[in-house]
C-alpha atoms as a PDB file:
ATOM      1  CA  MET A   1      42.735 -29.686 -38.534  1.00  0.00           C
ATOM      2  CA  LYS A   2      41.850 -31.756 -42.087  1.00  0.00           C
ATOM      3  CA  SER A   3      44.924 -33.253 -43.226  1.00  0.00           C
ATOM      4  CA  LYS A   4      46.747 -32.369 -46.833  1.00  0.00           C
ATOM      5  CA  LEU A   5      45.659 -33.511 -49.883  1.00  0.00           C
ATOM      6  CA  LYS A   6      48.366 -36.045 -50.964  1.00  0.00           C
ATOM      7  CA  LEU A   7      49.367 -35.553 -54.709  1.00  0.00           C
ATOM      8  CA  HIS A   8      51.040 -36.727 -57.907  1.00  0.00           C
ATOM      9  CA  GLY A   9      53.681 -34.848 -58.860  1.00  0.00           C
ATOM     10  CA  PHE A  10      53.128 -30.970 -58.854  1.00  0.00           C
ATOM     11  CA  ASN A  11      50.036 -29.074 -57.931  1.00  0.00           C
ATOM     12  CA  ASN A  12      49.076 -27.519 -61.221  1.00  0.00           C
ATOM     13  CA  LEU A  13      45.971 -25.415 -60.016  1.00  0.00           C
ATOM     14  CA  THR A  14      46.179 -21.740 -60.573  1.00  0.00           C
ATOM     15  CA  LYS A  15      45.262 -19.564 -57.809  1.00  0.00           C
ATOM     16  CA  THR A  16      44.452 -15.856 -58.564  1.00  0.00           C
ATOM     17  CA  LEU A  17      43.321 -12.647 -56.613  1.00  0.00           C
ATOM     18  CA  SER A  18      42.522 -10.084 -57.756  1.00  0.00           C
ATOM     19  CA  PHE A  19      41.605  -6.600 -56.167  1.00  0.00           C
ATOM     20  CA  ASN A  20      39.957  -2.950 -57.348  1.00  0.00           C
ATOM     21  CA  ILE A  21      40.982  -0.868 -54.177  1.00  0.00           C
ATOM     22  CA  TYR A  22      39.190   3.026 -54.133  1.00  0.00           C
ATOM     23  CA  ASP A  23      39.984   5.516 -52.280  1.00  0.00           C
ATOM     24  CA  ILE A  24      38.027   8.812 -52.526  1.00  0.00           C
ATOM     25  CA  CYS A  25      38.258  12.705 -52.058  1.00  0.00           C
ATOM     26  CA  TYR A  26      37.309  16.261 -52.959  1.00  0.00           C
ATOM     27  CA  ALA A  27      39.952  18.301 -54.607  1.00  0.00           C
ATOM     28  CA  GLU A  28      37.744  22.222 -54.870  1.00  0.00           C
ATOM     29  CA  THR A  29      40.255  23.958 -56.589  1.00  0.00           C
ATOM     30  CA  PRO A  30      41.994  23.156 -60.430  1.00  0.00           C
ATOM     31  CA  GLN A  31      45.570  24.097 -58.129  1.00  0.00           C
ATOM     32  CA  ASP A  32      44.050  21.573 -55.457  1.00  0.00           C
ATOM     33  CA  GLN A  33      43.311  18.609 -57.977  1.00  0.00           C
ATOM     34  CA  GLN A  34      46.935  18.822 -59.918  1.00  0.00           C
ATOM     35  CA  ALA A  35      48.412  18.491 -56.468  1.00  0.00           C
ATOM     36  CA  TYR A  36      46.215  15.805 -55.450  1.00  0.00           C
ATOM     37  CA  VAL A  37      47.297  13.557 -58.514  1.00  0.00           C
ATOM     38  CA  GLU A  38      50.796  14.726 -57.717  1.00  0.00           C
ATOM     39  CA  TYR A  39      50.393  13.611 -54.228  1.00  0.00           C
ATOM     40  CA  ILE A  40      49.353  10.248 -55.391  1.00  0.00           C
ATOM     41  CA  ASN A  41      52.077   9.795 -57.828  1.00  0.00           C
ATOM     42  CA  SER A  42      54.756  10.796 -54.860  1.00  0.00           C
ATOM     43  CA  VAL A  43      53.090   8.345 -52.483  1.00  0.00           C
ATOM     44  CA  TYR A  44      51.907   5.629 -54.821  1.00  0.00           C
ATOM     45  CA  ASP A  45      55.270   5.524 -57.486  1.00  0.00           C
ATOM     46  CA  ALA A  46      56.775   2.672 -59.219  1.00  0.00           C
ATOM     47  CA  GLU A  47      59.633   2.267 -56.557  1.00  0.00           C
ATOM     48  CA  ARG A  48      57.445   2.038 -53.703  1.00  0.00           C
ATOM     49  CA  LEU A  49      54.734  -0.027 -55.351  1.00  0.00           C
ATOM     50  CA  THR A  50      58.062  -2.422 -55.973  1.00  0.00           C
ATOM     51  CA  ARG A  51      58.654  -2.697 -52.148  1.00  0.00           C
ATOM     52  CA  ILE A  52      54.805  -3.547 -51.674  1.00  0.00           C
ATOM     53  CA  LEU A  53      54.936  -6.338 -53.551  1.00  0.00           C
ATOM     54  CA  THR A  54      58.163  -7.305 -52.345  1.00  0.00           C
ATOM     55  CA  ASP A  55      56.752  -7.651 -48.896  1.00  0.00           C
ATOM     56  CA  VAL A  56      53.718  -9.251 -50.497  1.00  0.00           C
ATOM     57  CA  VAL A  57      56.447 -11.942 -52.112  1.00  0.00           C
ATOM     58  CA  ASP A  58      57.585 -12.762 -48.709  1.00  0.00           C
ATOM     59  CA  ILE A  59      54.261 -12.895 -46.944  1.00  0.00           C
ATOM     60  CA  ILE A  60      53.213 -15.775 -49.479  1.00  0.00           C
ATOM     61  CA  GLY A  61      56.276 -17.321 -49.299  1.00  0.00           C
ATOM     62  CA  ALA A  62      57.362 -17.062 -53.004  1.00  0.00           C
ATOM     63  CA  ASN A  63      60.541 -15.997 -54.433  1.00  0.00           C
ATOM     64  CA  ILE A  64      61.563 -13.428 -56.637  1.00  0.00           C
ATOM     65  CA  LEU A  65      62.712 -13.864 -60.569  1.00  0.00           C
ATOM     66  CA  ASN A  66      62.396 -10.699 -62.310  1.00  0.00           C
ATOM     67  CA  ILE A  67      60.549  -7.258 -62.085  1.00  0.00           C
ATOM     68  CA  ALA A  68      59.741  -4.864 -64.120  1.00  0.00           C
ATOM     69  CA  ARG A  69      58.376  -1.129 -63.081  1.00  0.00           C
ATOM     70  CA  GLN A  70      57.321   2.212 -64.911  1.00  0.00           C
ATOM     71  CA  ASP A  71      55.950   5.606 -64.051  1.00  0.00           C
ATOM     72  CA  TYR A  72      53.455   7.182 -65.862  1.00  0.00           C
ATOM     73  CA  ASP A  73      53.187  10.418 -67.663  1.00  0.00           C
ATOM     74  CA  PRO A  74      51.293  12.356 -66.421  1.00  0.00           C
ATOM     75  CA  GLN A  75      50.194  10.122 -63.945  1.00  0.00           C
ATOM     76  CA  GLY A  76      49.999   6.583 -62.641  1.00  0.00           C
ATOM     77  CA  ALA A  77      52.509   3.317 -62.505  1.00  0.00           C
ATOM     78  CA  SER A  78      52.914   0.005 -63.021  1.00  0.00           C
ATOM     79  CA  VAL A  79      54.938  -2.823 -61.240  1.00  0.00           C
ATOM     80  CA  THR A  80      55.191  -7.043 -62.536  1.00  0.00           C
ATOM     81  CA  ILE A  81      56.390  -9.518 -60.638  1.00  0.00           C
ATOM     82  CA  LEU A  82      57.508 -12.911 -61.907  1.00  0.00           C
ATOM     83  CA  ILE A  83      57.728 -15.111 -58.644  1.00  0.00           C
ATOM     84  CA  SER A  84      58.396 -18.679 -58.267  1.00  0.00           C
ATOM     85  CA  GLU A  85      57.632 -21.535 -55.651  1.00  0.00           C
ATOM     86  CA  GLN A  86      61.261 -22.364 -55.041  1.00  0.00           C
ATOM     87  CA  PRO A  87      64.611 -20.621 -55.282  1.00  0.00           C
ATOM     88  CA  VAL A  88      65.804 -20.307 -59.057  1.00  0.00           C
ATOM     89  CA  THR A  89      69.777 -20.692 -58.714  1.00  0.00           C
ATOM     90  CA  PRO A  90      71.613 -21.737 -61.546  1.00  0.00           C
ATOM     91  CA  THR A  91      73.548 -24.708 -61.089  1.00  0.00           C
ATOM     92  CA  GLU A  92      77.675 -25.817 -61.692  1.00  0.00           C
ATOM     93  CA  SER A  93      76.292 -27.232 -65.118  1.00  0.00           C
ATOM     94  CA  GLN A  94      74.207 -24.105 -66.590  1.00  0.00           C
ATOM     95  CA  ILE A  95      77.049 -22.062 -65.963  1.00  0.00           C
ATOM     96  CA  GLU A  96      80.305 -23.804 -66.932  1.00  0.00           C
ATOM     97  CA  GLU A  97      81.218 -23.439 -70.943  1.00  0.00           C
ATOM     98  CA  SER A  98      80.157 -27.213 -72.090  1.00  0.00           C
ATOM     99  CA  PRO A  99      77.627 -29.087 -74.566  1.00  0.00           C
ATOM    100  CA  GLY A 100      74.494 -28.701 -73.170  1.00  0.00           C
ATOM    101  CA  PRO A 101      72.012 -31.754 -72.543  1.00  0.00           C
ATOM    102  CA  LEU A 102      70.009 -33.116 -75.506  1.00  0.00           C
ATOM    103  CA  PRO A 103      65.929 -32.413 -75.126  1.00  0.00           C
ATOM    104  CA  GLU A 104      65.141 -36.006 -73.846  1.00  0.00           C
ATOM    105  CA  THR A 105      67.272 -35.113 -70.682  1.00  0.00           C
ATOM    106  CA  ILE A 106      65.650 -32.505 -69.472  1.00  0.00           C
ATOM    107  CA  LEU A 107      63.021 -32.996 -66.886  1.00  0.00           C
ATOM    108  CA  ALA A 108      61.717 -29.651 -65.243  1.00  0.00           C
ATOM    109  CA  HIS A 109      58.565 -27.904 -64.404  1.00  0.00           C
ATOM    110  CA  LEU A 110      58.123 -23.884 -63.906  1.00  0.00           C
ATOM    111  CA  ASP A 111      55.481 -23.033 -61.658  1.00  0.00           C
ATOM    112  CA  LYS A 112      54.597 -19.769 -63.506  1.00  0.00           C
ATOM    113  CA  SER A 113      53.823 -17.104 -61.308  1.00  0.00           C
ATOM    114  CA  HIS A 114      53.321 -13.007 -60.858  1.00  0.00           C
ATOM    115  CA  ILE A 115      52.032 -10.005 -59.024  1.00  0.00           C
ATOM    116  CA  THR A 116      50.978  -7.204 -61.099  1.00  0.00           C
ATOM    117  CA  VAL A 117      50.007  -3.313 -59.806  1.00  0.00           C
ATOM    118  CA  HIS A 118      48.521  -0.779 -61.422  1.00  0.00           C
ATOM    119  CA  THR A 119      47.685   3.017 -60.072  1.00  0.00           C
ATOM    120  CA  TYR A 120      45.082   5.050 -61.847  1.00  0.00           C
ATOM    121  CA  PRO A 121      44.335   8.952 -60.126  1.00  0.00           C
ATOM    122  CA  GLU A 122      41.989  10.930 -61.627  1.00  0.00           C
ATOM    123  CA  ILE A 123      40.124  14.399 -61.190  1.00  0.00           C
ATOM    124  CA  HIS A 124      36.469  14.771 -62.362  1.00  0.00           C
ATOM    125  CA  PRO A 125      37.357  18.134 -64.008  1.00  0.00           C
ATOM    126  CA  VAL A 126      33.579  19.550 -62.968  1.00  0.00           C
ATOM    127  CA  ASP A 127      32.901  18.181 -59.672  1.00  0.00           C
ATOM    128  CA  GLY A 128      36.282  18.155 -58.237  1.00  0.00           C
ATOM    129  CA  ILE A 129      35.739  14.562 -57.161  1.00  0.00           C
ATOM    130  CA  ALA A 130      39.010  12.663 -57.341  1.00  0.00           C
ATOM    131  CA  THR A 131      39.759   8.932 -57.277  1.00  0.00           C
ATOM    132  CA  PHE A 132      42.628   6.930 -56.791  1.00  0.00           C
ATOM    133  CA  ARG A 133      42.009   3.253 -58.393  1.00  0.00           C
ATOM    134  CA  VAL A 134      45.027   0.469 -57.727  1.00  0.00           C
ATOM    135  CA  ASP A 135      44.434  -2.649 -59.302  1.00  0.00           C
ATOM    136  CA  ILE A 136      46.587  -6.004 -57.815  1.00  0.00           C
ATOM    137  CA  ASP A 137      46.347  -9.313 -59.404  1.00  0.00           C
ATOM    138  CA  VAL A 138      48.301 -12.229 -57.095  1.00  0.00           C
ATOM    139  CA  SER A 139      48.478 -15.470 -59.570  1.00  0.00           C
ATOM    140  CA  THR A 140      50.401 -18.245 -58.250  1.00  0.00           C
ATOM    141  CA  CYS A 141      50.518 -22.224 -58.749  1.00  0.00           C
ATOM    142  CA  GLY A 142      51.891 -24.393 -56.518  1.00  0.00           C
ATOM    143  CA  VAL A 143      51.582 -24.912 -52.716  1.00  0.00           C
ATOM    144  CA  ILE A 144      51.848 -20.834 -52.309  1.00  0.00           C
ATOM    145  CA  SER A 145      48.411 -19.290 -51.682  1.00  0.00           C
ATOM    146  CA  PRO A 146      47.520 -15.222 -52.712  1.00  0.00           C
ATOM    147  CA  LEU A 147      44.984 -15.571 -49.871  1.00  0.00           C
ATOM    148  CA  LYS A 148      47.896 -14.923 -47.409  1.00  0.00           C
ATOM    149  CA  ALA A 149      48.258 -11.035 -48.878  1.00  0.00           C
ATOM    150  CA  LEU A 150      44.645 -10.156 -48.491  1.00  0.00           C
ATOM    151  CA  ASN A 151      44.843  -8.090 -45.150  1.00  0.00           C
ATOM    152  CA  TYR A 152      48.196  -6.284 -45.727  1.00  0.00           C
ATOM    153  CA  LEU A 153      47.118  -5.294 -49.431  1.00  0.00           C
ATOM    154  CA  ILE A 154      43.921  -4.022 -47.885  1.00  0.00           C
ATOM    155  CA  HIS A 155      45.531  -2.350 -44.898  1.00  0.00           C
ATOM    156  CA  LYS A 156      48.630  -0.666 -47.066  1.00  0.00           C
ATOM    157  CA  PHE A 157      46.025   1.288 -49.401  1.00  0.00           C
ATOM    158  CA  GLU A 158      43.767   2.593 -46.531  1.00  0.00           C
ATOM    159  CA  SER A 159      41.207   1.177 -48.938  1.00  0.00           C
ATOM    160  CA  ASP A 160      37.333   2.731 -48.738  1.00  0.00           C
ATOM    161  CA  ILE A 161      36.083   0.704 -51.160  1.00  0.00           C
ATOM    162  CA  VAL A 162      37.183  -3.206 -52.023  1.00  0.00           C
ATOM    163  CA  THR A 163      36.735  -5.586 -54.629  1.00  0.00           C
ATOM    164  CA  VAL A 164      38.007  -9.010 -54.385  1.00  0.00           C
ATOM    165  CA  ASP A 165      37.750 -11.674 -56.493  1.00  0.00           C
ATOM    166  CA  TYR A 166      39.586 -14.804 -56.271  1.00  0.00           C
ATOM    167  CA  ARG A 167      39.329 -17.621 -58.403  1.00  0.00           C
ATOM    168  CA  VAL A 168      40.922 -21.308 -58.336  1.00  0.00           C
ATOM    169  CA  ARG A 169      41.756 -22.558 -62.207  1.00  0.00           C
ATOM    170  CA  GLY A 170      42.557 -26.340 -63.693  1.00  0.00           C
ATOM    171  CA  PHE A 171      42.893 -29.345 -61.543  1.00  0.00           C
ATOM    172  CA  THR A 172      45.409 -31.858 -60.306  1.00  0.00           C
ATOM    173  CA  ARG A 173      45.839 -35.291 -59.305  1.00  0.00           C
ATOM    174  CA  ASP A 174      45.755 -37.108 -56.168  1.00  0.00           C
ATOM    175  CA  VAL A 175      48.179 -40.298 -55.691  1.00  0.00           C
ATOM    176  CA  GLU A 176      45.315 -42.458 -56.586  1.00  0.00           C
ATOM    177  CA  GLY A 177      44.853 -40.214 -59.888  1.00  0.00           C
ATOM    178  CA  LYS A 178      42.086 -38.652 -59.254  1.00  0.00           C
ATOM    179  CA  LYS A 179      41.124 -35.143 -60.374  1.00  0.00           C
ATOM    180  CA  HIS A 180      40.818 -32.255 -58.081  1.00  0.00           C
ATOM    181  CA  PHE A 181      39.736 -29.089 -59.030  1.00  0.00           C
ATOM    182  CA  ILE A 182      40.181 -27.148 -55.616  1.00  0.00           C
ATOM    183  CA  ASP A 183      42.755 -28.615 -53.080  1.00  0.00           C
ATOM    184  CA  HIS A 184      41.597 -26.451 -50.090  1.00  0.00           C
ATOM    185  CA  GLU A 185      38.119 -25.535 -48.332  1.00  0.00           C
ATOM    186  CA  ILE A 186      36.710 -21.858 -48.725  1.00  0.00           C
ATOM    187  CA  ASN A 187      33.353 -20.750 -48.944  1.00  0.00           C
ATOM    188  CA  SER A 188      33.733 -16.868 -48.828  1.00  0.00           C
ATOM    189  CA  ILE A 189      36.774 -14.443 -48.879  1.00  0.00           C
ATOM    190  CA  GLN A 190      36.086 -13.022 -45.608  1.00  0.00           C
ATOM    191  CA  ASN A 191      37.202 -16.203 -43.846  1.00  0.00           C
ATOM    192  CA  TYR A 192      40.620 -15.148 -44.631  1.00  0.00           C
ATOM    193  CA  LEU A 193      40.288 -11.577 -43.258  1.00  0.00           C
ATOM    194  CA  SER A 194      41.484 -10.573 -39.920  1.00  0.00           C
ATOM    195  CA  GLU A 195      39.074  -9.994 -37.614  1.00  0.00           C
ATOM    196  CA  ASP A 196      39.600  -6.029 -37.443  1.00  0.00           C
ATOM    197  CA  THR A 197      39.305  -5.856 -41.480  1.00  0.00           C
ATOM    198  CA  ARG A 198      35.824  -7.597 -40.920  1.00  0.00           C
ATOM    199  CA  ASN A 199      34.511  -5.204 -38.244  1.00  0.00           C
ATOM    200  CA  GLY A 200      35.887  -2.468 -40.267  1.00  0.00           C
ATOM    201  CA  TYR A 201      34.180  -2.789 -43.492  1.00  0.00           C
ATOM    202  CA  GLN A 202      30.839  -3.741 -44.930  1.00  0.00           C
ATOM    203  CA  MET A 203      30.782  -7.120 -46.693  1.00  0.00           C
ATOM    204  CA  THR A 204      28.961  -8.688 -49.095  1.00  0.00           C
ATOM    205  CA  ASP A 205      29.600 -11.915 -51.318  1.00  0.00           C
ATOM    206  CA  VAL A 206      28.492 -13.164 -54.803  1.00  0.00           C
ATOM    207  CA  ASN A 207      29.998 -16.444 -55.385  1.00  0.00           C
ATOM    208  CA  VAL A 208      30.172 -19.562 -58.428  1.00  0.00           C
ATOM    209  CA  TYR A 209      30.927 -21.932 -56.158  1.00  0.00           C
ATOM    210  CA  GLN A 210      30.746 -25.217 -58.877  1.00  0.00           C
ATOM    211  CA  GLU A 211      33.424 -22.476 -60.738  1.00  0.00           C
ATOM    212  CA  ASN A 212      35.138 -22.426 -57.816  1.00  0.00           C
ATOM    213  CA  LEU A 213      34.859 -18.563 -58.235  1.00  0.00           C
ATOM    214  CA  PHE A 214      34.843 -15.696 -55.294  1.00  0.00           C
ATOM    215  CA  HIS A 215      33.731 -12.462 -54.978  1.00  0.00           C
ATOM    216  CA  THR A 216      33.714 -10.225 -51.980  1.00  0.00           C
ATOM    217  CA  LYS A 217      32.434  -6.123 -52.249  1.00  0.00           C
ATOM    218  CA  MET A 218      33.716  -4.247 -49.367  1.00  0.00           C
ATOM    219  CA  LEU A 219      32.939  -0.659 -48.110  1.00  0.00           C
ATOM    220  CA  LEU A 220      34.608   1.377 -45.098  1.00  0.00           C
ATOM    221  CA  LYS A 221      32.265   1.578 -41.942  1.00  0.00           C
ATOM    222  CA  GLN A 222      33.512   4.866 -40.561  1.00  0.00           C
ATOM    223  CA  PHE A 223      33.079   7.976 -42.552  1.00  0.00           C
ATOM    224  CA  GLU A 224      35.135  11.464 -41.232  1.00  0.00           C
ATOM    225  CA  LEU A 225      33.986  14.106 -43.563  1.00  0.00           C
ATOM    226  CA  ASP A 226      37.910  15.717 -42.991  1.00  0.00           C
ATOM    227  CA  ASN A 227      39.370  12.459 -44.153  1.00  0.00           C
ATOM    228  CA  TYR A 228      38.117  13.027 -47.383  1.00  0.00           C
ATOM    229  CA  LEU A 229      38.826  17.105 -48.224  1.00  0.00           C
ATOM    230  CA  PHE A 230      41.881  17.954 -49.850  1.00  0.00           C
ATOM    231  CA  GLY A 231      43.586  21.214 -49.791  1.00  0.00           C
ATOM    232  CA  ASP A 232      41.789  24.437 -49.504  1.00  0.00           C
ATOM    233  CA  ALA A 233      38.344  22.240 -49.191  1.00  0.00           C
ATOM    234  CA  THR A 234      38.854  21.324 -45.651  1.00  0.00           C
ATOM    235  CA  SER A 235      38.354  25.417 -44.686  1.00  0.00           C
ATOM    236  CA  ASN A 236      36.326  26.084 -47.622  1.00  0.00           C
ATOM    237  CA  LEU A 237      33.257  23.924 -46.972  1.00  0.00           C
ATOM    238  CA  SER A 238      30.160  25.275 -45.705  1.00  0.00           C
ATOM    239  CA  ALA A 239      28.068  24.355 -42.655  1.00  0.00           C
ATOM    240  CA  GLU A 240      25.334  23.285 -44.882  1.00  0.00           C
ATOM    241  CA  GLN A 241      27.570  21.208 -47.148  1.00  0.00           C
ATOM    242  CA  ARG A 242      29.251  19.546 -44.452  1.00  0.00           C
ATOM    243  CA  GLU A 243      25.835  18.393 -42.904  1.00  0.00           C
ATOM    244  CA  THR A 244      24.814  17.687 -46.633  1.00  0.00           C
ATOM    245  CA  SER A 245      27.562  14.881 -47.171  1.00  0.00           C
ATOM    246  CA  ASP A 246      27.151  13.307 -42.897  1.00  0.00           C
ATOM    247  CA  ARG A 247      23.657  12.266 -44.421  1.00  0.00           C
ATOM    248  CA  GLN A 248      25.111  10.859 -47.924  1.00  0.00           C
ATOM    249  CA  GLY A 249      27.430   9.452 -45.741  1.00  0.00           C
ATOM    250  CA  GLN A 250      25.120   7.708 -43.269  1.00  0.00           C
ATOM    251  CA  THR A 251      23.139   6.660 -46.897  1.00  0.00           C
ATOM    252  CA  ARG A 252      26.400   5.119 -47.608  1.00  0.00           C
ATOM    253  CA  ASN A 253      26.885   3.428 -44.715  1.00  0.00           C
ATOM    254  CA  ALA A 254      23.590   1.666 -45.382  1.00  0.00           C
ATOM    255  CA  GLY A 255      24.661  -0.485 -47.807  1.00  0.00           C
ATOM    256  CA  ASN A 256      23.864   1.216 -51.055  1.00  0.00           C
ATOM    257  CA  LEU A 257      27.078   0.877 -52.968  1.00  0.00           C
ATOM    258  CA  LEU A 258      27.340  -2.950 -51.685  1.00  0.00           C
ATOM    259  CA  ARG A 259      24.077  -3.768 -53.743  1.00  0.00           C
ATOM    260  CA  PRO A 260      24.556  -6.249 -56.795  1.00  0.00           C
END
């Protein structure tokens, strides 16, 4: 295994992992469409999203500084968590009643990082196509890596379609003063996915190596129609409609949705 890069001071590289996760189903009647939105709002409300992001903080080895969360009317939710690489605990001198330090005596570095999630349930008013989109950003600096959260988040949201972006920004220096614009080897986000995730999805990459930009599109391989029907649509779909949907699913699995 390649030895770690020895750095001069704090690692100033910012590593950002961004997800767009989609769940798709068909809700036939207005009542089922409303029930679908209510279902998503209850299953993925701000409280549960906070628990999911708290798990992510533990997975990547960070510490929570602050949590802000909000449920929206009529639908959707958001959570933002500020995190740090090291625990932030007030010192005795910070909490005692005494004069503060002069500016020239302060020496500190705030490793600014955050995790955010926003949800977007939506129903097409005519076709009954229901989509649930989740946007997630995991941004870190220092030695902690957002890539550790990949598999957990993909499985936690039972994702049908996923687009993932990973970008490394800024630079850091080694002990000899040389600039480094990335501190780890990577040629594809797929390298950081578990075997069951790689086997479960069709994937294609669009990477810009010289800019440290990595993009992967993912499409679930197995298409079981009943998993995409909500409410009365489960029993009301005719045999002909089921056959048409199966054919479309096979076409989808041929990779049409993954083409740039």
